[in-house]
Amino acid sequence: MTRVLGFDPSLRNWGFAACIWENSTGLVIQNTGTISVKSEETKPNKRDMHDAQMLFSNVHHLLKTFAPDVVVAEIPIGSQNANGMKGYAICITILAIIKQMGIPIIEISPYDLKRVVGSTTASKKDVVNWVNKQHPNLLPTHRGQLNISQSEHIADAIVAIYAHLTAKGAYHANPTDHHS
């Protein structure tokens, strides 16, 4: 049995999935969610510090609660503006701290994550739908329909784990599971 914590790091909406992997039973998802952080502070430097502290505090709580043997994280690739880069730096720093704590981190690229779904150009909706097919009734819904915006970060955390299992040869997607 391996305890796995999947992450989709983001300053504003950090997705997570706490799972157990066993060769005999496959992936059992125990808990999922999104850590949403938004300070009311108006001064940018104080807001950034507050948000970084709150995000790390929540991630640290997950680590203590689920005691993962390994963390699997989709590693963000840069950003298109200064605010995005600031969020990227905070996320990468939190992941580095986790690694420094002695918890192994498996880094998954967005390309490898989407490849599990069946297309390196898969949309957020494609990823969410793929997870919903693998794990029905797991992701958030609104009026009976999948809520893509609330599900996308959780779905990325889950698919990051599948990407790692695929790379290890422990999971092989059925071609009928793929979306184009």
Protein backbone atom coordinates (compact mmCIF):
# COMPACT_ATOMS: atom_id res chain seq x y z
CA MET A 1 0.00 0.00 0.00
CA THR A 2 1.31 3.43 -0.95
CA ARG A 3 -0.24 6.67 0.33
CA VAL A 4 -0.16 9.23 -2.48
CA LEU A 5 -1.02 12.91 -2.34
CA GLY A 6 -1.61 14.44 -5.75
CA PHE A 7 -1.23 18.20 -6.20
CA ASP A 8 -2.16 20.73 -8.83
CA PRO A 9 -0.23 23.69 -7.38
CA SER A 10 -1.63 27.18 -7.76
CA LEU A 11 -1.52 30.25 -5.55
CA ARG A 12 -5.28 30.83 -5.74
CA ASN A 13 -6.69 27.30 -6.25
CA TRP A 14 -4.38 24.45 -5.22
CA GLY A 15 -6.05 21.14 -6.11
CA PHE A 16 -5.36 17.98 -4.15
CA ALA A 17 -6.28 14.30 -4.10
CA ALA A 18 -5.40 11.96 -1.22
CA CYS A 19 -5.23 8.37 -2.46
CA ILE A 20 -4.13 4.86 -1.68
CA TRP A 21 -2.46 2.79 -4.40
CA GLU A 22 -2.37 -0.99 -4.23
CA ASN A 23 -1.43 -3.20 -7.14
CA SER A 24 -4.37 -5.49 -6.38
CA THR A 25 -7.09 -2.83 -6.06
CA GLY A 26 -5.69 0.11 -8.01
CA LEU A 27 -6.18 3.73 -7.03
CA VAL A 28 -8.61 4.45 -4.19
CA ILE A 29 -9.33 8.15 -3.74
CA GLN A 30 -9.94 9.02 -0.10
CA ASN A 31 -10.34 12.78 -0.22
CA THR A 32 -10.17 15.64 -2.72
CA GLY A 33 -10.49 19.37 -2.64
CA THR A 34 -9.19 22.76 -3.55
CA ILE A 35 -7.30 25.09 -1.25
CA SER A 36 -8.51 28.57 -2.12
CA VAL A 37 -6.57 31.49 -0.68
CA LYS A 38 -7.49 35.14 -1.04
CA SER A 39 -6.44 37.83 1.41
CA GLU A 40 -8.48 40.92 2.15
CA GLU A 41 -5.22 42.84 2.61
CA THR A 42 -4.93 45.79 0.23
CA LYS A 43 -1.15 46.23 0.24
CA PRO A 44 0.32 43.80 -2.30
CA ASN A 45 3.39 42.82 -0.29
CA LYS A 46 1.31 42.05 2.83
CA ARG A 47 -1.29 40.23 0.73
CA ASP A 48 1.38 38.09 -0.92
CA MET A 49 2.95 37.17 2.42
CA HIS A 50 -0.45 36.38 3.95
CA ASP A 51 -1.52 34.27 0.97
CA ALA A 52 1.78 32.35 0.91
CA GLN A 53 1.54 31.65 4.64
CA MET A 54 -2.09 30.51 4.40
CA LEU A 55 -1.37 28.30 1.40
CA PHE A 56 1.61 26.64 3.07
CA SER A 57 -0.34 26.20 6.31
CA ASN A 58 -3.13 24.39 4.42
CA VAL A 59 -0.70 22.25 2.41
CA HIS A 60 1.20 21.39 5.60
CA HIS A 61 -2.09 20.35 7.23
CA LEU A 62 -2.74 17.99 4.30
CA LEU A 63 0.73 16.49 4.70
CA LYS A 64 0.17 15.90 8.42
CA THR A 65 -3.37 14.56 7.92
CA PHE A 66 -2.68 12.13 5.08
CA ALA A 67 1.03 11.33 5.77
CA PRO A 68 1.83 10.53 2.14
CA ASP A 69 4.64 8.19 1.15
CA VAL A 70 4.98 10.28 -1.99
CA VAL A 71 3.63 13.50 -3.46
CA VAL A 72 2.85 13.67 -7.18
CA ALA A 73 2.55 17.20 -8.53
CA GLU A 74 1.86 18.74 -11.88
CA ILE A 75 4.69 21.25 -12.08
CA PRO A 76 3.55 24.55 -13.51
CA ILE A 77 5.51 25.95 -16.43
CA GLY A 78 6.29 29.62 -15.94
CA SER A 79 3.72 32.32 -16.49
CA GLN A 80 2.71 35.09 -18.83
CA ASN A 81 2.85 38.04 -16.41
CA ALA A 82 4.50 39.26 -13.21
CA ASN A 83 1.61 38.31 -10.92
CA GLY A 84 1.49 34.83 -12.42
CA MET A 85 5.24 34.47 -11.97
CA LYS A 86 4.90 35.48 -8.32
CA GLY A 87 2.32 32.72 -7.80
CA TYR A 88 4.56 30.26 -9.66
CA ALA A 89 7.49 31.13 -7.38
CA ILE A 90 5.40 30.63 -4.25
CA CYS A 91 4.15 27.24 -5.48
CA ILE A 92 7.61 26.02 -6.47
CA THR A 93 8.94 27.15 -3.08
CA ILE A 94 6.24 25.22 -1.23
CA LEU A 95 7.05 22.10 -3.27
CA ALA A 96 10.76 22.56 -2.52
CA ILE A 97 9.99 22.82 1.20
CA ILE A 98 7.98 19.58 1.02
CA LYS A 99 10.93 17.89 -0.66
CA GLN A 100 13.26 19.31 2.00
CA MET A 101 10.95 17.77 4.64
CA GLY A 102 11.95 14.37 3.24
CA ILE A 103 8.76 13.63 1.30
CA PRO A 104 9.57 12.47 -2.23
CA ILE A 105 7.97 14.54 -4.99
CA ILE A 106 7.29 13.13 -8.42
CA GLU A 107 7.16 15.98 -10.93
CA ILE A 108 4.65 15.67 -13.75
CA SER A 109 4.65 18.01 -16.74
CA PRO A 110 1.37 19.38 -18.11
CA TYR A 111 2.21 17.48 -21.32
CA ASP A 112 2.49 14.12 -19.52
CA LEU A 113 -0.68 14.84 -17.55
CA LYS A 114 -2.71 15.51 -20.70
CA ARG A 115 -1.22 12.49 -22.45
CA VAL A 116 -2.93 10.23 -19.90
CA VAL A 117 -6.27 11.67 -21.00
CA GLY A 118 -5.46 10.78 -24.59
CA SER A 119 -4.32 14.04 -26.15
CA THR A 120 -1.44 16.41 -25.41
CA THR A 121 -3.83 19.21 -26.33
CA ALA A 122 -6.63 18.07 -24.00
CA SER A 123 -8.74 20.90 -22.64
CA LYS A 124 -9.64 21.38 -18.97
CA LYS A 125 -13.06 19.97 -19.79
CA ASP A 126 -11.47 16.88 -21.38
CA VAL A 127 -9.42 16.25 -18.23
CA VAL A 128 -12.45 16.73 -15.95
CA ASN A 129 -14.58 14.41 -18.11
CA TRP A 130 -11.85 11.73 -18.12
CA VAL A 131 -11.65 11.82 -14.31
CA ASN A 132 -15.44 11.71 -14.07
CA LYS A 133 -15.44 8.59 -16.25
CA GLN A 134 -12.83 6.89 -14.06
CA HIS A 135 -14.39 8.03 -10.77
CA PRO A 136 -18.10 8.83 -11.25
CA ASN A 137 -19.76 11.08 -8.66
CA LEU A 138 -16.42 12.29 -7.26
CA LEU A 139 -16.13 15.77 -8.76
CA PRO A 140 -18.24 18.81 -7.81
CA THR A 141 -21.49 19.32 -9.68
CA HIS A 142 -23.96 22.15 -9.97
CA ARG A 143 -27.59 21.30 -10.73
CA GLY A 144 -26.60 17.82 -11.80
CA GLN A 145 -23.89 18.95 -14.22
CA LEU A 146 -20.14 18.74 -13.71
CA ASN A 147 -18.82 22.08 -12.50
CA ILE A 148 -15.69 22.41 -14.67
CA SER A 149 -14.27 25.47 -12.87
CA GLN A 150 -14.59 23.80 -9.45
CA SER A 151 -13.42 20.42 -10.73
CA GLU A 152 -10.41 21.28 -12.89
CA HIS A 153 -7.82 21.56 -10.10
CA ILE A 154 -8.98 18.37 -8.40
CA ALA A 155 -9.00 16.59 -11.77
CA ASP A 156 -5.44 17.74 -12.53
CA ALA A 157 -4.26 16.42 -9.13
CA ILE A 158 -5.86 13.04 -9.84
CA VAL A 159 -4.55 12.79 -13.40
CA ALA A 160 -1.05 13.71 -12.18
CA ILE A 161 -1.18 10.54 -10.07
CA TYR A 162 -2.33 8.50 -13.06
CA ALA A 163 0.50 10.01 -15.14
CA HIS A 164 3.00 8.81 -12.54
CA LEU A 165 1.41 5.33 -12.39
CA THR A 166 1.45 5.18 -16.20
CA ALA A 167 5.16 6.07 -16.28
CA LYS A 168 5.84 3.32 -13.71
CA GLY A 169 3.91 0.84 -15.84
CA ALA A 170 1.43 0.31 -12.99
CA TYR A 171 -1.54 1.73 -14.89
CA HIS A 172 -2.55 1.34 -18.51
CA ALA A 173 -5.42 3.43 -19.77
CA ASN A 174 -8.02 1.61 -21.78
CA PRO A 175 -8.18 3.22 -25.23
CA THR A 176 -11.93 3.65 -24.77
CA ASP A 177 -11.19 5.88 -21.74
CA HIS A 178 -9.54 8.51 -23.93
CA HIS A 179 -11.17 11.71 -25.06
CA SER A 180 -9.95 13.67 -28.04
